[in-house]
Protein backbone atom coordinates (compact mmCIF):
# COMPACT_ATOMS: atom_id res chain seq x y z
CA UNK A 1 29.57 65.85 -20.08
CA UNK A 2 27.95 64.07 -23.04
CA UNK A 3 27.33 60.37 -22.39
CA UNK A 4 29.35 57.92 -24.49
CA UNK A 5 27.81 54.93 -26.26
CA UNK A 6 28.76 51.48 -24.97
CA UNK A 7 31.00 50.54 -27.94
CA UNK A 8 32.63 53.97 -28.13
CA UNK A 9 33.29 53.96 -24.37
CA UNK A 10 34.89 50.51 -24.60
CA UNK A 11 37.15 51.57 -27.48
CA UNK A 12 38.25 54.82 -25.81
CA UNK A 13 38.75 53.16 -22.41
CA UNK A 14 40.73 50.33 -24.02
CA UNK A 15 43.06 52.65 -25.95
CA UNK A 16 43.65 54.77 -22.85
CA UNK A 17 44.32 51.66 -20.75
CA UNK A 18 46.87 50.36 -23.25
CA UNK A 19 48.63 53.71 -23.40
CA UNK A 20 48.79 53.73 -19.59
CA UNK A 21 50.13 50.18 -19.59
CA UNK A 22 52.78 50.95 -22.21
CA UNK A 23 53.91 54.10 -20.37
CA UNK A 24 54.15 52.21 -17.07
CA UNK A 25 55.94 49.30 -18.70
CA UNK A 26 58.30 51.70 -20.46
CA UNK A 27 59.22 53.30 -17.14
CA UNK A 28 59.89 49.90 -15.57
CA UNK A 29 61.78 48.88 -18.70
CA UNK A 30 64.23 51.77 -18.53
CA UNK A 31 64.43 52.38 -14.79
CA UNK A 32 64.72 48.83 -13.42
CA UNK A 33 68.18 48.14 -14.92
CA UNK A 34 69.25 51.71 -14.12
CA UNK A 35 68.19 51.40 -10.49
CA UNK A 36 69.65 47.92 -9.99
CA UNK A 37 72.97 49.17 -11.39
CA UNK A 38 72.82 52.44 -9.42
CA UNK A 39 71.58 51.40 -5.97
CA UNK A 40 72.13 47.63 -6.31
CA UNK A 41 69.73 44.71 -6.66
CA UNK A 42 69.55 44.26 -2.87
CA UNK A 43 68.42 47.87 -2.30
CA UNK A 44 65.99 47.70 -5.21
CA UNK A 45 64.49 44.52 -3.76
CA UNK A 46 63.39 46.51 -0.71
CA UNK A 47 61.14 48.67 -2.93
CA UNK A 48 59.02 45.64 -3.80
CA UNK A 49 59.29 44.36 -0.24
CA UNK A 50 58.01 47.68 1.14
CA UNK A 51 55.06 47.65 -1.23
CA UNK A 52 54.29 44.09 -0.20
CA UNK A 53 54.32 45.06 3.47
CA UNK A 54 51.86 47.85 2.71
CA UNK A 55 49.60 45.18 1.22
CA UNK A 56 49.49 43.66 4.70
CA UNK A 57 47.98 46.92 5.99
CA UNK A 58 45.37 46.95 3.22
CA UNK A 59 43.94 43.79 4.76
CA UNK A 60 42.41 46.16 7.32
CA UNK A 61 41.13 48.78 4.86
CA UNK A 62 40.02 46.69 1.90
CA UNK A 63 36.84 45.55 3.69
CA UNK A 64 35.56 49.12 3.49
CA UNK A 65 37.01 50.36 0.22
CA UNK A 66 36.63 47.31 -2.02
CA UNK A 67 32.83 47.43 -2.06
CA UNK A 68 32.37 51.20 -1.82
CA UNK A 69 32.39 51.65 -5.59
CA UNK A 70 29.75 48.95 -6.05
CA UNK A 71 27.39 50.40 -3.43
CA UNK A 72 27.79 54.00 -4.62
CA UNK A 73 27.36 53.01 -8.29
CA UNK A 74 24.25 50.88 -7.75
CA UNK A 75 22.55 53.57 -5.64
CA UNK A 76 23.49 56.23 -8.19
CA UNK A 77 22.13 54.28 -11.19
CA UNK A 78 18.94 53.52 -9.28
CA UNK A 79 18.43 57.25 -8.80
CA UNK A 80 19.08 57.17 -5.04
CA UNK A 81 21.46 60.13 -4.95
CA UNK A 82 21.09 60.71 -1.19
CA UNK A 83 22.12 57.14 -0.39
CA UNK A 84 25.04 57.38 -2.85
CA UNK A 85 26.23 60.53 -1.07
CA UNK A 86 25.93 58.83 2.30
CA UNK A 87 28.18 55.97 1.20
CA UNK A 88 30.66 58.40 -0.40
CA UNK A 89 30.98 60.71 2.61
CA UNK A 90 30.98 57.91 5.17
CA UNK A 91 33.76 55.98 3.41
CA UNK A 92 35.96 59.07 3.06
CA UNK A 93 35.63 60.02 6.73
CA UNK A 94 36.21 56.43 7.86
CA UNK A 95 39.43 56.30 5.84
CA UNK A 96 40.64 59.52 7.42
CA UNK A 97 39.75 58.24 10.90
CA UNK A 98 41.84 55.07 10.52
CA UNK A 99 45.07 56.92 9.58
CA UNK A 100 46.24 57.55 13.19
CA UNK A 101 45.81 53.84 13.97
CA UNK A 102 47.92 52.87 10.97
CA UNK A 103 50.65 55.35 11.92
CA UNK A 104 50.70 54.13 15.53
CA UNK A 105 51.43 50.58 14.37
CA UNK A 106 53.60 51.21 11.30
CA UNK A 107 56.02 53.85 12.57
CA UNK A 108 57.57 51.70 15.37
CA UNK A 109 57.84 48.77 12.96
CA UNK A 110 59.74 50.87 10.42
CA UNK A 111 62.04 52.34 13.07
CA UNK A 112 63.02 48.79 14.07
CA UNK A 113 63.08 47.32 10.57
CA UNK A 114 66.70 46.14 10.84
CA UNK A 115 65.68 43.84 13.73
CA UNK A 116 62.95 42.20 11.65
CA UNK A 117 64.58 41.95 8.22
CA UNK A 118 67.95 41.15 6.70
CA UNK A 119 69.03 44.70 5.77
CA UNK A 120 72.70 45.37 4.91
CA UNK A 121 74.13 47.87 7.41
CA UNK A 122 75.02 50.41 4.72
CA UNK A 123 71.38 50.43 3.51
CA UNK A 124 69.58 50.72 6.86
CA UNK A 125 68.98 54.49 6.79
CA UNK A 126 67.89 54.70 3.15
CA UNK A 127 65.64 51.62 3.44
CA UNK A 128 63.88 53.08 6.51
CA UNK A 129 63.32 56.36 4.66
CA UNK A 130 61.98 54.39 1.71
CA UNK A 131 59.55 52.54 3.98
CA UNK A 132 58.33 55.82 5.53
CA UNK A 133 57.58 57.33 2.13
CA UNK A 134 55.85 54.13 0.99
CA UNK A 135 53.70 54.42 4.13
CA UNK A 136 52.85 58.07 3.39
CA UNK A 137 51.99 57.10 -0.17
CA UNK A 138 49.56 54.50 1.17
CA UNK A 139 47.86 57.15 3.32
CA UNK A 140 47.38 59.42 0.30
CA UNK A 141 46.04 56.46 -1.68
CA UNK A 142 43.62 55.64 1.14
CA UNK A 143 42.16 59.14 1.01
CA UNK A 144 41.94 59.11 -2.79
CA UNK A 145 40.21 55.72 -3.10
CA UNK A 146 36.65 56.99 -2.94
CA UNK A 147 37.34 59.70 -5.54
CA UNK A 148 38.13 57.03 -8.14
CA UNK A 149 34.45 56.08 -8.27
CA UNK A 150 33.41 59.04 -10.47
CA UNK A 151 34.95 57.63 -13.66
CA UNK A 152 33.54 54.20 -12.77
CA UNK A 153 29.97 55.46 -12.31
CA UNK A 154 30.02 57.30 -15.65
CA UNK A 155 32.04 54.60 -17.49
CA UNK A 156 34.74 57.14 -18.35
CA UNK A 157 37.66 55.05 -17.18
CA UNK A 158 39.85 56.64 -19.85
CA UNK A 159 39.99 59.75 -17.65
CA UNK A 160 41.58 57.67 -14.89
CA UNK A 161 44.03 56.41 -17.50
CA UNK A 162 44.89 60.00 -18.43
CA UNK A 163 45.58 60.75 -14.76
CA UNK A 164 47.79 57.66 -14.58
CA UNK A 165 49.72 58.73 -17.69
CA UNK A 166 50.27 62.23 -16.28
CA UNK A 167 51.57 60.85 -12.98
CA UNK A 168 53.74 58.29 -14.81
CA UNK A 169 55.41 60.99 -16.91
CA UNK A 170 55.84 63.11 -13.79
CA UNK A 171 57.51 60.10 -12.16
CA UNK A 172 60.01 59.90 -15.03
CA UNK A 173 60.85 63.59 -14.73
CA UNK A 174 61.30 63.51 -10.95
CA UNK A 175 63.34 60.29 -10.99
CA UNK A 176 65.69 61.73 -13.60
CA UNK A 177 65.94 64.95 -11.61
CA UNK A 178 66.73 63.33 -8.26
CA UNK A 179 69.05 60.59 -9.48
CA UNK A 180 70.72 63.00 -11.91
CA UNK A 181 71.46 65.76 -9.39
CA UNK A 182 71.86 63.95 -6.06
CA UNK A 183 73.85 60.94 -4.79
CA UNK A 184 72.00 57.64 -5.45
CA UNK A 185 69.50 56.72 -2.74
CA UNK A 186 66.70 54.17 -2.93
CA UNK A 187 64.50 56.49 -0.82
CA UNK A 188 64.03 58.75 -3.87
CA UNK A 189 61.67 56.13 -5.30
CA UNK A 190 59.37 56.57 -2.29
CA UNK A 191 59.52 60.37 -2.46
CA UNK A 192 58.61 60.42 -6.14
CA UNK A 193 55.78 57.94 -5.62
CA UNK A 194 54.26 60.14 -2.88
CA UNK A 195 54.31 63.24 -5.07
CA UNK A 196 52.78 61.43 -8.04
CA UNK A 197 50.02 59.85 -5.95
CA UNK A 198 49.10 63.27 -4.55
CA UNK A 199 48.84 64.68 -8.08
CA UNK A 200 46.60 61.73 -9.00
CA UNK A 201 44.39 62.52 -5.98
CA UNK A 202 43.96 66.13 -7.11
CA UNK A 203 43.00 65.02 -10.64
CA UNK A 204 40.46 62.48 -9.37
CA UNK A 205 38.92 65.10 -7.08
CA UNK A 206 38.49 67.28 -10.16
CA UNK A 207 36.91 64.38 -12.09
CA UNK A 208 34.45 63.85 -9.24
CA UNK A 209 33.36 67.48 -9.36
CA UNK A 210 33.11 67.38 -13.18
CA UNK A 211 31.40 64.02 -13.75
CA UNK A 212 29.16 63.61 -10.70
CA UNK A 213 28.61 67.12 -9.33
CA UNK A 214 25.77 65.79 -7.17
CA UNK A 215 28.21 63.58 -5.22
CA UNK A 216 29.78 65.65 -2.43
CA UNK A 217 31.44 65.26 0.94
CA UNK A 218 29.05 66.66 3.53
CA UNK A 219 28.98 66.18 7.28
CA UNK A 220 25.23 65.52 7.24
CA UNK A 221 25.81 62.53 4.95
CA UNK A 222 28.29 60.81 7.27
CA UNK A 223 26.61 57.84 8.95
CA UNK A 224 28.68 55.23 10.72
CA UNK A 225 25.95 52.67 10.15
CA UNK A 226 26.82 52.92 6.44
CA UNK A 227 30.45 52.19 7.29
CA UNK A 228 29.34 49.16 9.29
CA UNK A 229 27.22 47.99 6.35
CA UNK A 230 30.13 48.29 3.92
CA UNK A 231 32.57 46.54 6.27
CA UNK A 232 30.05 43.74 6.77
CA UNK A 233 29.76 43.32 2.99
CA UNK A 234 33.47 43.72 2.32
CA UNK A 235 34.98 41.79 5.21
CA UNK A 236 35.31 38.81 2.91
CA UNK A 237 37.42 40.92 0.57
CA UNK A 238 39.75 41.43 3.53
CA UNK A 239 39.95 37.66 3.82
CA UNK A 240 40.70 37.52 0.08
CA UNK A 241 43.45 40.12 0.48
CA UNK A 242 44.90 38.07 3.34
CA UNK A 243 44.86 35.11 0.97
CA UNK A 244 46.76 37.12 -1.65
CA UNK A 245 49.33 38.18 0.94
CA UNK A 246 49.85 34.60 2.05
CA UNK A 247 50.09 33.35 -1.55
CA UNK A 248 52.24 36.06 -3.16
CA UNK A 249 52.94 38.88 -0.73
CA UNK A 250 55.16 36.80 1.54
CA UNK A 251 57.47 35.67 -1.27
CA UNK A 252 59.99 38.45 -0.79
CA UNK A 253 59.80 38.35 3.01
CA UNK A 254 60.40 34.59 3.08
CA UNK A 255 63.23 34.92 0.56
CA UNK A 256 64.82 37.75 2.55
CA UNK A 257 64.69 36.00 5.93
CA UNK A 258 65.09 32.32 5.03
CA UNK A 259 67.26 32.47 1.90
CA UNK A 260 69.11 35.77 1.22
CA UNK A 261 68.68 39.48 0.47
CA UNK A 262 70.49 38.96 -2.84
CA UNK A 263 67.98 36.36 -4.10
CA UNK A 264 65.16 38.59 -2.87
CA UNK A 265 66.48 41.24 -5.26
CA UNK A 266 66.62 38.78 -8.17
CA UNK A 267 63.08 37.57 -7.43
CA UNK A 268 61.80 41.15 -7.29
CA UNK A 269 63.24 41.76 -10.78
CA UNK A 270 61.60 38.58 -12.10
CA UNK A 271 58.25 39.74 -10.66
CA UNK A 272 58.31 43.09 -12.46
CA UNK A 273 56.91 42.02 -15.85
CA UNK A 274 54.33 39.52 -14.49
CA UNK A 275 53.09 42.28 -12.17
CA UNK A 276 52.52 44.58 -15.14
CA UNK A 277 50.77 41.80 -17.06
CA UNK A 278 48.51 41.25 -14.05
CA UNK A 279 47.85 44.99 -13.95
CA UNK A 280 46.98 44.97 -17.66
CA UNK A 281 44.64 42.01 -17.19
CA UNK A 282 42.82 43.68 -14.31
CA UNK A 283 42.66 46.96 -16.22
CA UNK A 284 41.09 45.30 -19.26
CA UNK A 285 38.62 43.43 -17.06
CA UNK A 286 37.70 46.58 -15.14
CA UNK A 287 36.59 48.16 -18.42
CA UNK A 288 33.57 45.86 -18.21
CA UNK A 289 32.83 46.37 -14.51
CA UNK A 290 30.59 49.46 -14.90
CA UNK A 291 28.30 47.64 -17.34
CA UNK A 292 28.29 44.46 -15.25
CA UNK A 293 27.27 46.44 -12.18
CA UNK A 294 24.60 48.31 -14.13
CA UNK A 295 23.13 45.11 -15.66
CA UNK A 296 23.06 43.38 -12.29
CA UNK A 297 21.37 46.42 -10.73
CA UNK A 298 18.68 46.02 -13.42
CA UNK A 299 18.41 42.25 -12.70
CA UNK A 300 19.43 41.36 -16.28
CA UNK A 301 21.33 38.08 -15.78
CA UNK A 302 21.49 37.32 -19.51
CA UNK A 303 23.25 40.62 -20.17
CA UNK A 304 25.63 39.97 -17.24
CA UNK A 305 26.65 36.56 -18.66
CA UNK A 306 27.08 38.01 -22.15
CA UNK A 307 29.27 40.81 -20.79
CA UNK A 308 31.35 38.32 -18.78
CA UNK A 309 32.00 36.16 -21.85
CA UNK A 310 33.00 39.23 -23.83
CA UNK A 311 35.32 40.27 -21.01
CA UNK A 312 36.94 36.80 -20.92
CA UNK A 313 37.58 36.76 -24.67
CA UNK A 314 38.71 40.39 -24.75
CA UNK A 315 41.31 40.11 -21.97
CA UNK A 316 42.60 36.69 -23.03
CA UNK A 317 43.09 37.88 -26.63
CA UNK A 318 45.91 40.14 -25.45
CA UNK A 319 47.21 38.30 -22.39
CA UNK A 320 48.13 35.03 -24.10
CA UNK A 321 50.18 36.85 -26.77
CA UNK A 322 52.28 38.61 -24.11
CA UNK A 323 52.53 35.37 -22.12
CA UNK A 324 53.83 33.37 -25.09
CA UNK A 325 56.30 36.06 -26.16
CA UNK A 326 57.84 36.17 -22.68
CA UNK A 327 57.97 32.39 -22.25
CA UNK A 328 59.56 31.76 -25.67
CA UNK A 329 61.68 34.91 -26.08
CA UNK A 330 62.02 35.94 -22.42
CA UNK A 331 65.64 34.90 -22.05
CA UNK A 332 66.67 37.19 -24.91
CA UNK A 333 64.72 39.97 -23.22
CA UNK A 334 66.49 39.46 -19.89
CA UNK A 335 69.91 39.38 -21.59
CA UNK A 336 69.17 42.79 -23.06
CA UNK A 337 67.25 44.26 -20.12
CA UNK A 338 69.38 43.32 -17.09
CA UNK A 339 72.67 42.02 -18.54
CA UNK A 340 74.54 42.58 -15.28
CA UNK A 341 72.25 40.25 -13.31
CA UNK A 342 71.92 36.45 -13.21
CA UNK A 343 69.92 36.19 -16.45
CA UNK A 344 69.36 32.42 -16.32
CA UNK A 345 67.99 32.58 -12.78
CA UNK A 346 65.73 35.57 -13.45
CA UNK A 347 64.37 34.03 -16.66
CA UNK A 348 63.66 30.72 -14.91
CA UNK A 349 61.83 32.55 -12.12
CA UNK A 350 59.90 34.58 -14.72
CA UNK A 351 58.61 31.40 -16.39
CA UNK A 352 57.64 29.88 -13.03
CA UNK A 353 55.79 33.04 -11.94
CA UNK A 354 53.92 33.30 -15.23
CA UNK A 355 52.63 29.72 -15.18
CA UNK A 356 49.37 30.77 -13.57
CA UNK A 357 48.47 32.89 -16.63
CA UNK A 358 47.69 29.63 -18.44
CA UNK A 359 44.34 29.79 -16.64
CA UNK A 360 44.02 33.13 -14.84
CA UNK A 361 44.43 35.01 -18.12
CA UNK A 362 40.86 34.02 -18.95
CA UNK A 363 39.23 33.31 -15.57
CA UNK A 364 40.15 36.54 -13.76
CA UNK A 365 37.10 38.18 -15.36
CA UNK A 366 34.87 35.87 -13.33
CA UNK A 367 36.09 37.38 -10.05
CA UNK A 368 33.85 40.34 -10.84
CA UNK A 369 30.86 38.05 -10.30
CA UNK A 370 31.54 37.69 -6.58
CA UNK A 371 31.76 41.44 -6.06
CA UNK A 372 28.81 42.38 -8.27
CA UNK A 373 26.53 39.76 -6.67
CA UNK A 374 27.92 40.48 -3.19
CA UNK A 375 28.71 36.76 -2.77
CA UNK A 376 32.22 37.06 -1.38
CA UNK A 377 32.18 34.70 1.60
CA UNK A 378 32.73 31.29 -0.01
CA UNK A 379 35.28 32.64 -2.50
CA UNK A 380 37.28 34.27 0.30
CA UNK A 381 37.27 31.19 2.53
CA UNK A 382 38.35 28.96 -0.37
CA UNK A 383 41.36 31.12 -1.26
CA UNK A 384 42.28 31.53 2.41
CA UNK A 385 42.52 27.74 2.76
CA UNK A 386 44.58 27.58 -0.44
CA UNK A 387 46.89 30.32 0.85
CA UNK A 388 47.59 28.65 4.19
CA UNK A 389 48.30 25.47 2.23
CA UNK A 390 50.74 27.43 0.05
CA UNK A 391 52.71 28.74 3.02
CA UNK A 392 52.83 25.29 4.61
CA UNK A 393 54.03 23.69 1.36
CA UNK A 394 56.70 26.37 0.83
CA UNK A 395 58.25 25.71 4.24
CA UNK A 396 58.04 21.96 3.71
CA UNK A 397 59.86 22.28 0.37
CA UNK A 398 62.44 24.69 1.83
CA UNK A 399 63.28 22.20 4.57
CA UNK A 400 63.08 18.93 2.62
CA UNK A 401 64.22 19.77 -0.93
CA UNK A 402 66.83 21.84 -2.75
CA UNK A 403 64.22 23.84 -4.68
CA UNK A 404 64.94 26.96 -2.62
CA UNK A 405 63.70 30.11 -4.30
CA UNK A 406 61.81 28.10 -6.94
CA UNK A 407 59.59 26.69 -4.20
CA UNK A 408 58.88 30.21 -2.94
CA UNK A 409 57.99 31.45 -6.44
CA UNK A 410 56.18 28.37 -7.77
CA UNK A 411 53.96 26.76 -5.14
CA UNK A 412 51.27 29.46 -5.20
CA UNK A 413 51.21 29.38 -9.01
CA UNK A 414 50.43 25.65 -9.13
CA UNK A 415 47.63 25.89 -6.56
CA UNK A 416 46.40 29.06 -8.30
CA UNK A 417 46.02 27.17 -11.58
CA UNK A 418 43.93 24.48 -9.88
CA UNK A 419 41.75 27.00 -8.04
CA UNK A 420 41.10 29.13 -11.11
CA UNK A 421 40.37 26.10 -13.26
CA UNK A 422 38.01 24.30 -10.88
CA UNK A 423 36.55 26.56 -8.21
CA UNK A 424 36.22 30.01 -9.82
CA UNK A 425 34.10 29.07 -12.89
CA UNK A 426 31.89 26.68 -10.92
CA UNK A 427 31.14 29.12 -8.11
CA UNK A 428 30.62 32.02 -10.53
CA UNK A 429 27.91 29.96 -12.23
CA UNK A 430 26.33 29.16 -8.87
CA UNK A 431 26.26 32.85 -7.90
CA UNK A 432 24.56 33.76 -11.19
CA UNK A 433 22.24 30.70 -11.00
CA UNK A 434 23.22 29.49 -14.46
CA UNK A 435 24.41 26.15 -15.89
CA UNK A 436 27.60 24.92 -14.16
CA UNK A 437 29.69 24.59 -17.34
CA UNK A 438 28.72 27.91 -18.94
CA UNK A 439 32.26 29.31 -18.98
CA UNK A 440 34.32 26.15 -19.56
CA UNK A 441 34.18 26.21 -23.39
CA UNK A 442 35.90 29.62 -23.36
CA UNK A 443 38.45 28.51 -20.75
CA UNK A 444 39.51 25.36 -22.59
CA UNK A 445 39.52 27.20 -25.90
CA UNK A 446 41.89 29.78 -24.39
CA UNK A 447 44.24 27.12 -22.98
CA UNK A 448 44.32 25.23 -26.30
CA UNK A 449 44.90 28.44 -28.24
CA UNK A 450 47.78 29.39 -25.93
CA UNK A 451 49.56 26.07 -26.48
CA UNK A 452 49.12 26.36 -30.25
CA UNK A 453 50.53 29.88 -30.09
CA UNK A 454 53.55 28.69 -28.11
CA UNK A 455 54.29 26.12 -30.83
CA UNK A 456 54.05 28.83 -33.50
CA UNK A 457 56.32 31.16 -31.52
CA UNK A 458 58.82 28.35 -30.95
CA UNK A 459 58.96 27.91 -34.73
CA UNK A 460 59.64 31.64 -35.11
CA UNK A 461 62.38 31.35 -32.48
CA UNK A 462 64.08 28.58 -34.48
CA UNK A 463 64.28 31.01 -37.39
CA UNK A 464 65.70 33.78 -35.17
CA UNK A 465 69.32 33.64 -36.33
CA UNK A 466 70.06 37.37 -36.23
CA UNK A 467 72.39 38.91 -33.60
CA UNK A 468 70.61 39.61 -30.30
CA UNK A 469 70.02 43.34 -29.92
CA UNK A 470 67.03 45.54 -29.19
CA UNK A 471 66.19 46.17 -32.84
CA UNK A 472 66.12 42.50 -33.89
CA UNK A 473 64.32 41.54 -30.67
CA UNK A 474 61.65 44.18 -31.30
CA UNK A 475 61.20 43.03 -34.91
CA UNK A 476 60.83 39.39 -33.84
CA UNK A 477 58.30 40.36 -31.14
CA UNK A 478 56.25 42.34 -33.69
CA UNK A 479 56.25 39.35 -36.05
CA UNK A 480 55.30 37.01 -33.19
CA UNK A 481 52.61 39.41 -31.98
CA UNK A 482 51.09 39.58 -35.46
CA UNK A 483 51.19 35.78 -35.70
CA UNK A 484 49.56 35.58 -32.26
CA UNK A 485 46.72 37.84 -33.39
CA UNK A 486 46.12 35.54 -36.36
CA UNK A 487 46.09 32.46 -34.11
CA UNK A 488 43.66 34.13 -31.70
CA UNK A 489 41.43 35.33 -34.54
CA UNK A 490 41.02 31.87 -36.05
CA UNK A 491 41.23 29.67 -32.94
CA UNK A 492 40.19 31.68 -29.86
CA UNK A 493 37.26 33.46 -31.51
CA UNK A 494 34.28 31.52 -32.82
CA UNK A 495 32.66 32.06 -36.22
CA UNK A 496 30.15 34.63 -34.94
CA UNK A 497 32.81 36.63 -33.11
CA UNK A 498 35.06 36.62 -36.18
CA UNK A 499 32.20 37.93 -38.32
CA UNK A 500 31.40 40.69 -35.83
CA UNK A 501 35.06 41.74 -35.68
CA UNK A 502 35.43 41.72 -39.48
CA UNK A 503 32.27 43.82 -39.89
CA UNK A 504 33.43 46.36 -37.32
CA UNK A 505 36.88 46.60 -38.92
CA UNK A 506 35.36 47.04 -42.40
CA UNK A 507 32.99 49.69 -41.06
CA UNK A 508 35.95 51.61 -39.63
CA UNK A 509 37.89 51.29 -42.90
CA UNK A 510 34.96 52.61 -44.96
CA UNK A 511 34.75 55.67 -42.70
């Protein structure tokens, strides 16, 4: 296929990513209230809980898979096709080899789930089926991981977005089919997810054959020493994943066991939108990963720093608008979205969960530095310490205060803000061997811009005197979004960046 220019690739990848995000958000938007009303908020809460439990298993596999793309891409761009093939084939075979081990551990746990969790008796059978299908989905995902690298190597991430859109639309069709023709059962969600993930695997296998025909699975390329090398490099990513599980992944488990299954369901609803915002942030940041990896492979630190700053501005330009809309207008959204639930509780939890975006919306880009430079150890240890502290603090608050579910949802967000504000930018600079405060001007500019935007949106809210319905809410959000773009243009961007943007817009208009 013809190679895309850097700017054209960024534009196409960005548009495709936004379409994917909107489709995914639209599905969550329509199906979450439908599912909570159909199968109940308690049953729906087990969907998120099951996915969180699967994240515990990824602690074992992420050491291998998290760095595979980096190693394959660097070898490929350096013209070492044989070495790239060795990493590709070795990772795929290692993933297949670990499946029996995962099944041996997971199957007995699922069969005895009612002894470990607070599962209503009437939901036991359907929840176990759900967990089995979530497990099978993970196995398919494990096999497909290495095939995702083709679009990364060639910087054609929009093709991955197309695959995601296809599987998302297929999910809509299958969900409507199953819930429309059969008695409601939460297990259908797991069945549909398995089918869609398999379709995604087939599409990514096709992309691999199309984009990098010289990358193939061959027995002669399988070398377990390559697997050992990748695990050695990626073991710190496993520590990081453990940190994420301790910080966020235990929220639903702790709520289920120590508080109630009902509040677990409410918390899982509140987590839906922040999860999609986090996905959008990571998607936008990943658009820059191929170039970052390529520049680092060429030992061009100046280009790496420039790309990082662009990534920080680019992702934060969109994230803070969504953040401010949900904080200021989120209660209206919840009243319309899940009117049959405890709107005040869910909105309060939403605001608490989203607090961390005040900093992570701009600093998440810097996490790429640790992977690209293969300096994962210190970052992983730091977040592991923070995560153990989070768990300890949650149990202290649960036993000594009346915060309850707010302690579960909020502790990790407060410590996350501190870690992202202090540690991440400083250590990123150390890894790149650049001045310690290189990224702070952008960070503080983002935080200041976000607070200004919240004030503007609050003013718009004061003028919002129309009846609350989807049409008026949409109109107000469009107005607020437009106002947010203006605030970002004049406050977040500097003079040079504004000039570049104006010139590019004018060039497009003249065409």
